[in-house]
Amino acid sequence: MQLHICGIKPFLNLSGIEYVTGERKARILAYTRAEDKARCLAAGLLLRMVCGVTGESMVRYGANGKPYRRDGGGFFNLSHAGDYVVLGTAGSEIGMDIEKIDSYSMGVATRCFTPPELAWLSRESGNEAFYRLWTGKESVMKGIGLGLSLAPEDFCILPMDRSAHRIASRTWFLDWLSYDGHIVCIAIENKTEETRLVPVSASDLCRGVIFSPNNGA
């Protein structure tokens, strides 16, 4: 499993927008904030470089919007927040979430976390503990691909380790990484897939497609 991560700052001026699909370009330009445009652009460029997606027809979507490569060549998932965009590729179902570590709302925690998770958060304290729970929830929800029909308060991700988590009749293994003030969680069905972090520069993204059929292994 590979985790490709790229900063958004080089794309605030929309450098490289000519390399993304027409559909992606329309989505980028529909955003108002420069940061949102940059995240959408970097995500499109990562899909192009890592997964070889040069047209929208190369991606299909599940019933609740989860994206897959139409050629069946491995699995991927995207997430972006704060200063970074992350694309994970794997040989089995994958979900992932990145968040910038900041102050959090206890009201949100109370609505979205189970009583055991709230007790864990109280013991751990601190903003990072909240975002470990939050990214864990999001990564599982994205991995399962049920959308909001699987509410975060309806399942528990304790213990906070790489042991098997049985959620919605499927088994998931969670892995957390810290990166420059952000936290990333990956949920994957195959425990044997180790996470390899691959920083990607803006020049790499604009250089061209470097897709390899084995990049998800």
C-alpha atoms as a PDB file:
ATOM      1  CA  MET A   1       0.000   0.000   0.000  1.00  0.00           C
ATOM      2  CA  GLN A   2       1.356   3.382  -0.999  1.00  0.00           C
ATOM      3  CA  LEU A   3       0.335   6.725   0.420  1.00  0.00           C
ATOM      4  CA  HIS A   4       1.136   9.598  -1.955  1.00  0.00           C
ATOM      5  CA  ILE A   5       1.039  13.044  -0.322  1.00  0.00           C
ATOM      6  CA  CYS A   6       1.420  16.473  -1.906  1.00  0.00           C
ATOM      7  CA  GLY A   7       1.219  20.043  -0.592  1.00  0.00           C
ATOM      8  CA  ILE A   8      -1.336  22.400  -2.134  1.00  0.00           C
ATOM      9  CA  LYS A   9       0.573  25.694  -1.939  1.00  0.00           C
ATOM     10  CA  PRO A  10       2.240  25.364  -5.393  1.00  0.00           C
ATOM     11  CA  PHE A  11      -1.246  25.042  -6.924  1.00  0.00           C
ATOM     12  CA  LEU A  12      -2.841  28.149  -5.434  1.00  0.00           C
ATOM     13  CA  ASN A  13      -2.228  29.894  -8.774  1.00  0.00           C
ATOM     14  CA  LEU A  14      -3.746  26.874 -10.602  1.00  0.00           C
ATOM     15  CA  SER A  15      -0.403  25.831 -12.075  1.00  0.00           C
ATOM     16  CA  GLY A  16      -0.900  22.539 -13.941  1.00  0.00           C
ATOM     17  CA  ILE A  17      -4.647  22.887 -14.478  1.00  0.00           C
ATOM     18  CA  GLU A  18      -4.103  22.216 -18.188  1.00  0.00           C
ATOM     19  CA  TYR A  19      -3.205  18.598 -17.348  1.00  0.00           C
ATOM     20  CA  VAL A  20      -6.487  17.581 -15.704  1.00  0.00           C
ATOM     21  CA  THR A  21      -9.678  16.394 -17.376  1.00  0.00           C
ATOM     22  CA  GLY A  22     -12.320  18.848 -18.543  1.00  0.00           C
ATOM     23  CA  GLU A  23     -14.696  17.583 -15.879  1.00  0.00           C
ATOM     24  CA  ARG A  24     -12.073  18.083 -13.155  1.00  0.00           C
ATOM     25  CA  LYS A  25     -11.292  21.578 -14.468  1.00  0.00           C
ATOM     26  CA  ALA A  26     -14.978  22.532 -14.210  1.00  0.00           C
ATOM     27  CA  ARG A  27     -15.072  21.270 -10.617  1.00  0.00           C
ATOM     28  CA  ILE A  28     -11.944  23.252  -9.770  1.00  0.00           C
ATOM     29  CA  LEU A  29     -13.285  26.498 -11.199  1.00  0.00           C
ATOM     30  CA  ALA A  30     -16.630  26.054  -9.428  1.00  0.00           C
ATOM     31  CA  TYR A  31     -14.950  26.560  -6.042  1.00  0.00           C
ATOM     32  CA  THR A  32     -14.744  30.063  -4.601  1.00  0.00           C
ATOM     33  CA  ARG A  33     -11.763  29.739  -2.244  1.00  0.00           C
ATOM     34  CA  ALA A  34      -8.253  29.429  -3.712  1.00  0.00           C
ATOM     35  CA  GLU A  35      -7.371  26.683  -1.229  1.00  0.00           C
ATOM     36  CA  ASP A  36     -10.326  24.535  -2.339  1.00  0.00           C
ATOM     37  CA  LYS A  37      -9.394  25.021  -5.995  1.00  0.00           C
ATOM     38  CA  ALA A  38      -5.804  23.982  -5.210  1.00  0.00           C
ATOM     39  CA  ARG A  39      -6.899  20.844  -3.329  1.00  0.00           C
ATOM     40  CA  CYS A  40      -9.176  19.755  -6.177  1.00  0.00           C
ATOM     41  CA  LEU A  41      -6.424  20.406  -8.728  1.00  0.00           C
ATOM     42  CA  ALA A  42      -3.764  18.512  -6.755  1.00  0.00           C
ATOM     43  CA  ALA A  43      -6.175  15.594  -6.346  1.00  0.00           C
ATOM     44  CA  GLY A  44      -6.751  15.438 -10.093  1.00  0.00           C
ATOM     45  CA  LEU A  45      -3.027  15.565 -10.803  1.00  0.00           C
ATOM     46  CA  LEU A  46      -2.355  12.785  -8.289  1.00  0.00           C
ATOM     47  CA  LEU A  47      -4.986  10.600  -9.960  1.00  0.00           C
ATOM     48  CA  ARG A  48      -3.331  11.276 -13.315  1.00  0.00           C
ATOM     49  CA  MET A  49       0.205  10.530 -12.125  1.00  0.00           C
ATOM     50  CA  VAL A  50      -0.415   7.585  -9.809  1.00  0.00           C
ATOM     51  CA  CYS A  51      -3.481   5.873 -11.283  1.00  0.00           C
ATOM     52  CA  GLY A  52      -3.174   6.910 -14.920  1.00  0.00           C
ATOM     53  CA  VAL A  53      -6.572   8.635 -14.898  1.00  0.00           C
ATOM     54  CA  THR A  54      -6.547  10.910 -17.933  1.00  0.00           C
ATOM     55  CA  GLY A  55     -10.320  10.895 -18.505  1.00  0.00           C
ATOM     56  CA  GLU A  56     -13.451  10.606 -16.394  1.00  0.00           C
ATOM     57  CA  SER A  57     -14.447   7.441 -18.269  1.00  0.00           C
ATOM     58  CA  MET A  58     -11.530   5.670 -16.568  1.00  0.00           C
ATOM     59  CA  VAL A  59     -13.261   5.949 -13.174  1.00  0.00           C
ATOM     60  CA  ARG A  60     -16.503   4.295 -12.082  1.00  0.00           C
ATOM     61  CA  TYR A  61     -18.459   4.946  -8.904  1.00  0.00           C
ATOM     62  CA  GLY A  62     -20.160   2.672  -6.415  1.00  0.00           C
ATOM     63  CA  ALA A  63     -23.782   3.052  -5.325  1.00  0.00           C
ATOM     64  CA  ASN A  64     -22.823   5.697  -2.749  1.00  0.00           C
ATOM     65  CA  GLY A  65     -20.177   7.485  -4.798  1.00  0.00           C
ATOM     66  CA  LYS A  66     -17.000   5.596  -3.884  1.00  0.00           C
ATOM     67  CA  PRO A  67     -14.586   5.786  -6.859  1.00  0.00           C
ATOM     68  CA  TYR A  68     -12.872   2.783  -8.487  1.00  0.00           C
ATOM     69  CA  ARG A  69     -10.618   2.354 -11.480  1.00  0.00           C
ATOM     70  CA  ARG A  70     -12.747   1.028 -14.305  1.00  0.00           C
ATOM     71  CA  ASP A  71      -9.979  -1.328 -15.469  1.00  0.00           C
ATOM     72  CA  GLY A  72     -10.008  -3.084 -12.085  1.00  0.00           C
ATOM     73  CA  GLY A  73      -6.288  -2.427 -11.548  1.00  0.00           C
ATOM     74  CA  GLY A  74      -6.236  -2.075  -7.780  1.00  0.00           C
ATOM     75  CA  PHE A  75      -8.029   0.184  -5.320  1.00  0.00           C
ATOM     76  CA  PHE A  76      -7.529   3.840  -4.394  1.00  0.00           C
ATOM     77  CA  ASN A  77      -8.945   6.508  -2.118  1.00  0.00           C
ATOM     78  CA  LEU A  78      -8.438  10.278  -1.923  1.00  0.00           C
ATOM     79  CA  SER A  79      -8.571  12.766   0.921  1.00  0.00           C
ATOM     80  CA  HIS A  80      -7.570  16.397   1.376  1.00  0.00           C
ATOM     81  CA  ALA A  81      -7.569  18.877   4.244  1.00  0.00           C
ATOM     82  CA  GLY A  82      -5.423  21.742   5.441  1.00  0.00           C
ATOM     83  CA  ASP A  83      -2.237  21.983   3.403  1.00  0.00           C
ATOM     84  CA  TYR A  84      -2.185  18.498   1.850  1.00  0.00           C
ATOM     85  CA  VAL A  85      -3.855  16.080  -0.539  1.00  0.00           C
ATOM     86  CA  VAL A  86      -3.344  12.335  -0.070  1.00  0.00           C
ATOM     87  CA  LEU A  87      -3.953   9.462  -2.484  1.00  0.00           C
ATOM     88  CA  GLY A  88      -3.708   5.905  -1.213  1.00  0.00           C
ATOM     89  CA  THR A  89      -3.378   2.881  -3.513  1.00  0.00           C
ATOM     90  CA  ALA A  90      -3.703  -0.742  -2.433  1.00  0.00           C
ATOM     91  CA  GLY A  91      -4.444  -4.258  -3.547  1.00  0.00           C
ATOM     92  CA  SER A  92      -7.580  -4.447  -1.379  1.00  0.00           C
ATOM     93  CA  GLU A  93     -10.413  -2.119  -0.386  1.00  0.00           C
ATOM     94  CA  ILE A  94      -9.094   1.069   1.183  1.00  0.00           C
ATOM     95  CA  GLY A  95     -10.485   4.171   2.841  1.00  0.00           C
ATOM     96  CA  MET A  96      -8.515   7.106   4.156  1.00  0.00           C
ATOM     97  CA  ASP A  97      -8.825  10.520   5.734  1.00  0.00           C
ATOM     98  CA  ILE A  98      -6.420  13.377   6.460  1.00  0.00           C
ATOM     99  CA  GLU A  99      -7.091  16.230   8.866  1.00  0.00           C
ATOM    100  CA  LYS A 100      -5.097  19.210  10.070  1.00  0.00           C
ATOM    101  CA  ILE A 101      -4.665  19.028  13.838  1.00  0.00           C
ATOM    102  CA  ASP A 102      -6.465  21.991  15.364  1.00  0.00           C
ATOM    103  CA  SER A 103      -8.745  22.735  18.288  1.00  0.00           C
ATOM    104  CA  TYR A 104     -11.914  20.640  18.298  1.00  0.00           C
ATOM    105  CA  SER A 105     -15.516  20.909  19.401  1.00  0.00           C
ATOM    106  CA  MET A 106     -16.650  18.706  22.271  1.00  0.00           C
ATOM    107  CA  GLY A 107     -20.152  19.020  20.870  1.00  0.00           C
ATOM    108  CA  VAL A 108     -19.029  17.349  17.647  1.00  0.00           C
ATOM    109  CA  ALA A 109     -17.261  14.629  19.633  1.00  0.00           C
ATOM    110  CA  THR A 110     -20.408  13.954  21.686  1.00  0.00           C
ATOM    111  CA  ARG A 111     -22.532  13.641  18.535  1.00  0.00           C
ATOM    112  CA  CYS A 112     -20.127  11.461  16.550  1.00  0.00           C
ATOM    113  CA  PHE A 113     -18.268   9.241  19.050  1.00  0.00           C
ATOM    114  CA  THR A 114     -19.530   6.289  21.082  1.00  0.00           C
ATOM    115  CA  PRO A 115     -19.410   6.338  24.915  1.00  0.00           C
ATOM    116  CA  PRO A 116     -16.246   4.144  25.010  1.00  0.00           C
ATOM    117  CA  GLU A 117     -14.570   6.448  22.477  1.00  0.00           C
ATOM    118  CA  LEU A 118     -15.528   9.519  24.507  1.00  0.00           C
ATOM    119  CA  ALA A 119     -14.035   7.874  27.596  1.00  0.00           C
ATOM    120  CA  TRP A 120     -10.807   7.183  25.648  1.00  0.00           C
ATOM    121  CA  LEU A 121     -10.728  10.801  24.433  1.00  0.00           C
ATOM    122  CA  SER A 122     -11.152  12.039  28.002  1.00  0.00           C
ATOM    123  CA  ARG A 123      -8.229   9.909  29.185  1.00  0.00           C
ATOM    124  CA  GLU A 124      -5.948  10.857  26.314  1.00  0.00           C
ATOM    125  CA  SER A 125      -7.006  14.523  26.114  1.00  0.00           C
ATOM    126  CA  GLY A 126      -5.568  16.897  23.530  1.00  0.00           C
ATOM    127  CA  ASN A 127      -6.429  17.777  19.947  1.00  0.00           C
ATOM    128  CA  GLU A 128      -4.460  14.935  18.358  1.00  0.00           C
ATOM    129  CA  ALA A 129      -6.516  12.307  20.196  1.00  0.00           C
ATOM    130  CA  PHE A 130      -9.717  13.803  18.769  1.00  0.00           C
ATOM    131  CA  TYR A 131      -8.353  13.730  15.226  1.00  0.00           C
ATOM    132  CA  ARG A 132      -7.136  10.152  15.605  1.00  0.00           C
ATOM    133  CA  LEU A 133     -10.722   9.166  16.374  1.00  0.00           C
ATOM    134  CA  TRP A 134     -12.147  11.412  13.653  1.00  0.00           C
ATOM    135  CA  THR A 135      -9.844  10.184  10.879  1.00  0.00           C
ATOM    136  CA  GLY A 136     -10.364   6.601  12.004  1.00  0.00           C
ATOM    137  CA  LYS A 137     -14.132   6.980  11.663  1.00  0.00           C
ATOM    138  CA  GLU A 138     -13.882   8.718   8.298  1.00  0.00           C
ATOM    139  CA  SER A 139     -11.443   6.192   6.841  1.00  0.00           C
ATOM    140  CA  VAL A 140     -13.708   3.276   7.729  1.00  0.00           C
ATOM    141  CA  MET A 141     -16.796   5.025   6.366  1.00  0.00           C
ATOM    142  CA  LYS A 142     -14.988   5.781   3.105  1.00  0.00           C
ATOM    143  CA  GLY A 143     -13.550   2.271   2.886  1.00  0.00           C
ATOM    144  CA  ILE A 144     -16.917   0.591   3.306  1.00  0.00           C
ATOM    145  CA  GLY A 145     -18.453   3.009   0.815  1.00  0.00           C
ATOM    146  CA  LEU A 146     -21.893   3.232   2.421  1.00  0.00           C
ATOM    147  CA  GLY A 147     -21.895   7.007   2.610  1.00  0.00           C
ATOM    148  CA  LEU A 148     -23.801   8.583   5.483  1.00  0.00           C
ATOM    149  CA  SER A 149     -25.988   5.478   5.803  1.00  0.00           C
ATOM    150  CA  LEU A 150     -23.211   4.308   8.143  1.00  0.00           C
ATOM    151  CA  ALA A 151     -23.273   7.021  10.809  1.00  0.00           C
ATOM    152  CA  PRO A 152     -20.049   7.617  12.791  1.00  0.00           C
ATOM    153  CA  GLU A 153     -21.844   7.223  16.124  1.00  0.00           C
ATOM    154  CA  ASP A 154     -23.096   3.757  15.124  1.00  0.00           C
ATOM    155  CA  PHE A 155     -19.721   1.971  15.308  1.00  0.00           C
ATOM    156  CA  CYS A 156     -16.638   1.973  17.529  1.00  0.00           C
ATOM    157  CA  ILE A 157     -13.005   1.902  16.337  1.00  0.00           C
ATOM    158  CA  LEU A 158     -11.434   1.005  19.695  1.00  0.00           C
ATOM    159  CA  PRO A 159      -8.820  -0.222  20.358  1.00  0.00           C
ATOM    160  CA  MET A 160      -6.753   2.437  18.625  1.00  0.00           C
ATOM    161  CA  ASP A 161      -4.285   0.060  17.026  1.00  0.00           C
ATOM    162  CA  ARG A 162      -3.799  -2.177  13.972  1.00  0.00           C
ATOM    163  CA  SER A 163      -5.810  -5.084  15.358  1.00  0.00           C
ATOM    164  CA  ALA A 164      -8.868  -6.331  13.476  1.00  0.00           C
ATOM    165  CA  HIS A 165     -11.943  -4.074  13.701  1.00  0.00           C
ATOM    166  CA  ARG A 166     -15.228  -5.761  12.785  1.00  0.00           C
ATOM    167  CA  ILE A 167     -17.501  -3.032  11.414  1.00  0.00           C
ATOM    168  CA  ALA A 168     -20.632  -3.371   9.270  1.00  0.00           C
ATOM    169  CA  SER A 169     -19.994  -7.102   8.795  1.00  0.00           C
ATOM    170  CA  ARG A 170     -16.481  -6.509   7.422  1.00  0.00           C
ATOM    171  CA  THR A 171     -13.008  -6.564   8.958  1.00  0.00           C
ATOM    172  CA  TRP A 172     -10.786  -3.499   8.782  1.00  0.00           C
ATOM    173  CA  PHE A 173      -7.241  -2.735   9.914  1.00  0.00           C
ATOM    174  CA  LEU A 174      -6.403   0.862  10.798  1.00  0.00           C
ATOM    175  CA  ASP A 175      -3.063   2.643  10.565  1.00  0.00           C
ATOM    176  CA  TRP A 176      -2.289   6.253  11.588  1.00  0.00           C
ATOM    177  CA  LEU A 177       0.513   8.525  10.389  1.00  0.00           C
ATOM    178  CA  SER A 178       1.490  12.035  11.487  1.00  0.00           C
ATOM    179  CA  TYR A 179       2.790  14.457   8.843  1.00  0.00           C
ATOM    180  CA  ASP A 180       3.624  18.143   9.295  1.00  0.00           C
ATOM    181  CA  GLY A 181       0.833  18.984  11.733  1.00  0.00           C
ATOM    182  CA  HIS A 182      -1.685  16.703  10.017  1.00  0.00           C
ATOM    183  CA  ILE A 183      -2.853  13.195  10.846  1.00  0.00           C
ATOM    184  CA  VAL A 184      -3.788  10.512   8.329  1.00  0.00           C
ATOM    185  CA  CYS A 185      -5.683   7.289   8.952  1.00  0.00           C
ATOM    186  CA  ILE A 186      -5.875   4.414   6.487  1.00  0.00           C
ATOM    187  CA  ALA A 187      -8.475   1.663   6.756  1.00  0.00           C
ATOM    188  CA  ILE A 188      -7.683  -1.446   4.726  1.00  0.00           C
ATOM    189  CA  GLU A 189      -9.071  -4.962   4.455  1.00  0.00           C
ATOM    190  CA  ASN A 190      -5.726  -6.729   3.996  1.00  0.00           C
ATOM    191  CA  LYS A 191      -3.607  -6.654   7.166  1.00  0.00           C
ATOM    192  CA  THR A 192      -0.444  -7.715   5.340  1.00  0.00           C
ATOM    193  CA  GLU A 193      -0.206  -4.481   3.322  1.00  0.00           C
ATOM    194  CA  GLU A 194       2.326  -2.205   4.990  1.00  0.00           C
ATOM    195  CA  THR A 195       2.015   1.553   4.508  1.00  0.00           C
ATOM    196  CA  ARG A 196       4.722   3.314   2.477  1.00  0.00           C
ATOM    197  CA  LEU A 197       4.618   7.116   2.526  1.00  0.00           C
ATOM    198  CA  VAL A 198       5.580   8.727  -0.803  1.00  0.00           C
ATOM    199  CA  PRO A 199       5.955  12.543  -0.778  1.00  0.00           C
ATOM    200  CA  VAL A 200       5.223  13.954  -4.246  1.00  0.00           C
ATOM    201  CA  SER A 201       6.403  17.368  -5.461  1.00  0.00           C
ATOM    202  CA  ALA A 202       4.454  19.749  -7.657  1.00  0.00           C
ATOM    203  CA  SER A 203       7.001  19.270 -10.451  1.00  0.00           C
ATOM    204  CA  ASP A 204       6.447  15.499 -10.257  1.00  0.00           C
ATOM    205  CA  LEU A 205       2.711  15.996 -10.690  1.00  0.00           C
ATOM    206  CA  CYS A 206       3.102  18.243 -13.707  1.00  0.00           C
ATOM    207  CA  ARG A 207       5.776  16.124 -15.382  1.00  0.00           C
ATOM    208  CA  GLY A 208       3.364  13.589 -16.826  1.00  0.00           C
ATOM    209  CA  VAL A 209       1.747  10.230 -16.244  1.00  0.00           C
ATOM    210  CA  ILE A 210       4.125   7.798 -14.540  1.00  0.00           C
ATOM    211  CA  PHE A 211       1.511   5.141 -13.943  1.00  0.00           C
ATOM    212  CA  SER A 212       2.773   1.636 -13.215  1.00  0.00           C
ATOM    213  CA  PRO A 213       0.363  -1.329 -13.165  1.00  0.00           C
ATOM    214  CA  ASN A 214       2.074  -2.566 -10.009  1.00  0.00           C
ATOM    215  CA  ASN A 215       1.845   0.661  -8.008  1.00  0.00           C
ATOM    216  CA  GLY A 216      -1.024  -0.546  -5.838  1.00  0.00           C
ATOM    217  CA  ALA A 217       0.742  -3.638  -4.553  1.00  0.00           C
END
